[in-house]
N, C-alpha and C. Protein backbone atom coordinates (compact mmCIF):
# COMPACT_ATOMS: atom_id res chain seq x y z
N UNK A 1 6.15 -26.92 31.54
CA UNK A 1 6.16 -28.06 30.64
C UNK A 1 5.05 -27.86 29.62
N UNK A 2 5.43 -27.48 28.43
CA UNK A 2 4.46 -27.16 27.40
C UNK A 2 3.72 -28.41 26.94
N UNK A 3 4.37 -29.54 26.93
CA UNK A 3 3.74 -30.75 26.44
C UNK A 3 2.56 -31.18 27.32
N UNK A 4 2.57 -30.80 28.57
CA UNK A 4 1.48 -31.17 29.46
C UNK A 4 0.41 -30.09 29.55
N UNK A 5 0.59 -28.98 28.82
CA UNK A 5 -0.43 -27.95 28.77
C UNK A 5 -0.22 -26.84 29.79
N UNK A 6 0.89 -26.83 30.50
CA UNK A 6 1.17 -25.76 31.44
C UNK A 6 2.57 -25.22 31.17
N UNK A 7 2.78 -23.98 31.55
CA UNK A 7 4.07 -23.35 31.35
C UNK A 7 4.40 -22.53 32.57
N UNK A 8 5.60 -22.66 33.04
CA UNK A 8 6.02 -21.89 34.21
C UNK A 8 6.34 -20.47 33.77
N UNK A 9 5.72 -19.50 34.40
CA UNK A 9 5.95 -18.10 34.07
C UNK A 9 7.13 -17.58 34.87
N UNK A 10 7.99 -16.83 34.21
CA UNK A 10 9.20 -16.35 34.88
C UNK A 10 8.88 -15.23 35.87
N UNK A 11 8.03 -14.29 35.53
CA UNK A 11 7.76 -13.16 36.39
C UNK A 11 6.76 -13.49 37.50
N UNK A 12 5.78 -14.29 37.17
CA UNK A 12 4.72 -14.54 38.13
C UNK A 12 5.15 -15.54 39.20
N UNK A 13 6.04 -16.43 38.84
CA UNK A 13 6.51 -17.42 39.79
C UNK A 13 5.49 -18.50 40.10
N UNK A 14 4.53 -18.67 39.22
CA UNK A 14 3.54 -19.73 39.41
C UNK A 14 3.29 -20.42 38.07
N UNK A 15 2.60 -21.51 38.12
CA UNK A 15 2.30 -22.25 36.91
C UNK A 15 1.09 -21.61 36.24
N UNK A 16 1.23 -21.30 34.94
CA UNK A 16 0.16 -20.66 34.18
C UNK A 16 -0.37 -21.67 33.17
N UNK A 17 -1.66 -21.92 33.16
CA UNK A 17 -2.21 -22.81 32.13
C UNK A 17 -1.97 -22.24 30.74
N UNK A 18 -1.77 -23.12 29.79
CA UNK A 18 -1.48 -22.70 28.43
C UNK A 18 -2.61 -21.86 27.85
N UNK A 19 -3.82 -22.10 28.27
CA UNK A 19 -4.96 -21.34 27.77
C UNK A 19 -4.88 -19.87 28.17
N UNK A 20 -4.23 -19.56 29.26
CA UNK A 20 -4.09 -18.17 29.67
C UNK A 20 -2.98 -17.47 28.91
N UNK A 21 -2.06 -18.21 28.37
CA UNK A 21 -0.94 -17.63 27.64
C UNK A 21 -1.39 -17.23 26.23
N UNK A 22 -2.23 -18.03 25.62
CA UNK A 22 -2.68 -17.78 24.25
C UNK A 22 -3.58 -16.56 24.25
N UNK A 23 -3.34 -15.65 23.31
CA UNK A 23 -4.18 -14.47 23.21
C UNK A 23 -5.52 -14.83 22.62
N UNK A 24 -6.43 -13.93 22.71
CA UNK A 24 -7.79 -14.19 22.23
C UNK A 24 -7.77 -14.28 20.71
N UNK A 25 -8.43 -15.29 20.18
CA UNK A 25 -8.50 -15.47 18.74
C UNK A 25 -9.85 -15.00 18.24
N UNK A 26 -9.85 -14.52 17.01
CA UNK A 26 -11.08 -14.04 16.39
C UNK A 26 -11.35 -14.86 15.15
N UNK A 27 -12.60 -15.18 14.93
CA UNK A 27 -13.00 -15.86 13.72
C UNK A 27 -14.41 -15.42 13.37
N UNK A 28 -14.74 -15.52 12.12
CA UNK A 28 -16.07 -15.13 11.65
C UNK A 28 -16.92 -16.40 11.50
N UNK A 29 -18.07 -16.39 12.11
CA UNK A 29 -18.99 -17.52 11.99
C UNK A 29 -19.81 -17.34 10.72
N UNK A 30 -19.50 -18.13 9.72
CA UNK A 30 -20.17 -18.00 8.43
C UNK A 30 -21.23 -19.07 8.22
N UNK A 31 -21.62 -19.75 9.27
CA UNK A 31 -22.59 -20.84 9.12
C UNK A 31 -24.00 -20.33 8.81
N UNK A 32 -24.26 -19.04 9.04
CA UNK A 32 -25.59 -18.50 8.76
C UNK A 32 -25.79 -18.24 7.27
N UNK A 33 -24.70 -18.17 6.51
CA UNK A 33 -24.82 -17.89 5.09
C UNK A 33 -24.95 -19.20 4.31
N UNK A 34 -25.66 -19.17 3.19
CA UNK A 34 -25.76 -20.39 2.37
C UNK A 34 -24.40 -20.72 1.74
N UNK A 35 -24.11 -22.00 1.59
CA UNK A 35 -22.78 -22.39 1.06
C UNK A 35 -22.51 -21.84 -0.33
N UNK A 36 -23.52 -21.75 -1.18
CA UNK A 36 -23.29 -21.25 -2.53
C UNK A 36 -22.84 -19.79 -2.51
N UNK A 37 -23.33 -19.02 -1.54
CA UNK A 37 -22.94 -17.62 -1.43
C UNK A 37 -21.48 -17.49 -0.98
N UNK A 38 -21.07 -18.37 -0.08
CA UNK A 38 -19.67 -18.36 0.37
C UNK A 38 -18.73 -18.74 -0.76
N UNK A 39 -19.10 -19.74 -1.54
CA UNK A 39 -18.28 -20.16 -2.67
C UNK A 39 -18.21 -19.05 -3.71
N UNK A 40 -19.33 -18.39 -3.97
CA UNK A 40 -19.38 -17.30 -4.94
C UNK A 40 -18.51 -16.13 -4.48
N UNK A 41 -18.64 -15.75 -3.22
CA UNK A 41 -17.84 -14.64 -2.69
C UNK A 41 -16.35 -14.99 -2.68
N UNK A 42 -16.02 -16.21 -2.32
CA UNK A 42 -14.62 -16.63 -2.34
C UNK A 42 -14.05 -16.66 -3.74
N UNK A 43 -14.86 -17.10 -4.70
CA UNK A 43 -14.40 -17.14 -6.09
C UNK A 43 -14.15 -15.74 -6.62
N UNK A 44 -15.07 -14.82 -6.35
CA UNK A 44 -14.88 -13.44 -6.81
C UNK A 44 -13.68 -12.79 -6.12
N UNK A 45 -13.49 -13.08 -4.85
CA UNK A 45 -12.35 -12.52 -4.13
C UNK A 45 -11.04 -13.04 -4.71
N UNK A 46 -10.97 -14.33 -4.96
CA UNK A 46 -9.76 -14.92 -5.53
C UNK A 46 -9.51 -14.39 -6.94
N UNK A 47 -10.58 -14.23 -7.73
CA UNK A 47 -10.43 -13.68 -9.08
C UNK A 47 -9.90 -12.25 -9.02
N UNK A 48 -10.36 -11.46 -8.05
CA UNK A 48 -9.87 -10.10 -7.89
C UNK A 48 -8.40 -10.07 -7.52
N UNK A 49 -7.99 -10.94 -6.62
CA UNK A 49 -6.59 -11.02 -6.23
C UNK A 49 -5.71 -11.43 -7.42
N UNK A 50 -6.16 -12.41 -8.20
CA UNK A 50 -5.41 -12.84 -9.37
C UNK A 50 -5.32 -11.71 -10.39
N UNK A 51 -6.41 -10.97 -10.58
CA UNK A 51 -6.42 -9.85 -11.52
C UNK A 51 -5.43 -8.77 -11.10
N UNK A 52 -5.39 -8.47 -9.81
CA UNK A 52 -4.45 -7.47 -9.31
C UNK A 52 -3.01 -7.95 -9.50
N UNK A 53 -2.75 -9.22 -9.24
CA UNK A 53 -1.40 -9.76 -9.44
C UNK A 53 -1.00 -9.72 -10.92
N UNK A 54 -1.94 -9.97 -11.81
CA UNK A 54 -1.65 -9.90 -13.24
C UNK A 54 -1.30 -8.47 -13.63
N UNK A 55 -2.04 -7.49 -13.12
CA UNK A 55 -1.75 -6.09 -13.42
C UNK A 55 -0.38 -5.68 -12.89
N UNK A 56 -0.03 -6.14 -11.70
CA UNK A 56 1.28 -5.83 -11.15
C UNK A 56 2.40 -6.49 -11.96
N UNK A 57 2.16 -7.71 -12.42
CA UNK A 57 3.15 -8.40 -13.23
C UNK A 57 3.33 -7.69 -14.57
N UNK A 58 2.23 -7.22 -15.15
CA UNK A 58 2.31 -6.49 -16.40
C UNK A 58 3.12 -5.20 -16.22
N UNK A 59 2.88 -4.49 -15.13
CA UNK A 59 3.64 -3.28 -14.84
C UNK A 59 5.13 -3.60 -14.67
N UNK A 60 5.43 -4.66 -13.97
CA UNK A 60 6.83 -5.04 -13.76
C UNK A 60 7.51 -5.40 -15.08
N UNK A 61 6.78 -6.06 -15.98
CA UNK A 61 7.37 -6.40 -17.27
C UNK A 61 7.62 -5.16 -18.13
N UNK A 62 6.69 -4.20 -18.09
CA UNK A 62 6.90 -2.96 -18.84
C UNK A 62 8.09 -2.20 -18.28
N UNK A 63 8.20 -2.13 -16.96
CA UNK A 63 9.35 -1.45 -16.36
C UNK A 63 10.65 -2.14 -16.73
N UNK A 64 10.66 -3.47 -16.74
CA UNK A 64 11.86 -4.20 -17.13
C UNK A 64 12.20 -3.95 -18.60
N UNK A 65 11.19 -3.93 -19.47
CA UNK A 65 11.43 -3.68 -20.88
C UNK A 65 12.04 -2.30 -21.10
N UNK A 66 11.45 -1.27 -20.50
CA UNK A 66 11.99 0.08 -20.68
C UNK A 66 13.35 0.23 -20.02
N UNK A 67 13.55 -0.45 -18.90
CA UNK A 67 14.87 -0.41 -18.26
C UNK A 67 15.94 -1.00 -19.15
N UNK A 68 15.64 -2.11 -19.81
CA UNK A 68 16.61 -2.73 -20.71
C UNK A 68 16.83 -1.85 -21.93
N UNK A 69 15.76 -1.27 -22.48
CA UNK A 69 15.92 -0.41 -23.65
C UNK A 69 16.74 0.84 -23.33
N UNK A 70 16.42 1.50 -22.24
CA UNK A 70 17.15 2.72 -21.86
C UNK A 70 18.57 2.38 -21.47
N UNK A 71 18.74 1.34 -20.67
CA UNK A 71 20.08 0.95 -20.25
C UNK A 71 20.95 0.49 -21.41
N UNK A 72 20.39 -0.30 -22.31
CA UNK A 72 21.15 -0.76 -23.47
C UNK A 72 21.52 0.37 -24.40
N UNK A 73 20.59 1.30 -24.59
CA UNK A 73 20.87 2.45 -25.45
C UNK A 73 21.96 3.33 -24.83
N UNK A 74 21.85 3.57 -23.53
CA UNK A 74 22.86 4.38 -22.85
C UNK A 74 24.23 3.70 -22.89
N UNK A 75 24.26 2.40 -22.73
CA UNK A 75 25.52 1.65 -22.79
C UNK A 75 26.13 1.72 -24.19
N UNK A 76 25.27 1.57 -25.21
CA UNK A 76 25.76 1.62 -26.59
C UNK A 76 26.31 3.01 -26.90
N UNK A 77 25.63 4.06 -26.46
CA UNK A 77 26.13 5.42 -26.69
C UNK A 77 27.44 5.64 -25.95
N UNK A 78 27.54 5.14 -24.73
CA UNK A 78 28.78 5.29 -23.96
C UNK A 78 29.94 4.57 -24.65
N UNK A 79 29.68 3.36 -25.18
CA UNK A 79 30.73 2.64 -25.89
C UNK A 79 31.09 3.35 -27.20
N UNK A 80 30.12 3.97 -27.85
CA UNK A 80 30.39 4.67 -29.08
C UNK A 80 31.25 5.90 -28.86
N UNK A 81 31.01 6.59 -27.77
CA UNK A 81 31.75 7.83 -27.50
C UNK A 81 33.11 7.57 -26.88
N UNK A 82 33.34 6.43 -26.28
CA UNK A 82 34.64 6.15 -25.65
C UNK A 82 35.49 5.30 -26.51
């Protein structure tokens, strides 16, 4: 019964507390750092992620532009020759 915090295990044949089922979780204790440093690091990290996404979007737009130009030109030549 998960709602009560225990779950019956099929192989073990006994009741296993929910805490034993959950795997070990990891977290970083950032309380030793000053808050302004955490905000600064988070801001720079987010700015880096946004910058990378912008570069990827720019690449995708260039690829789409050249794809349309090459595809349209090839289609026009094919229609001209047929």
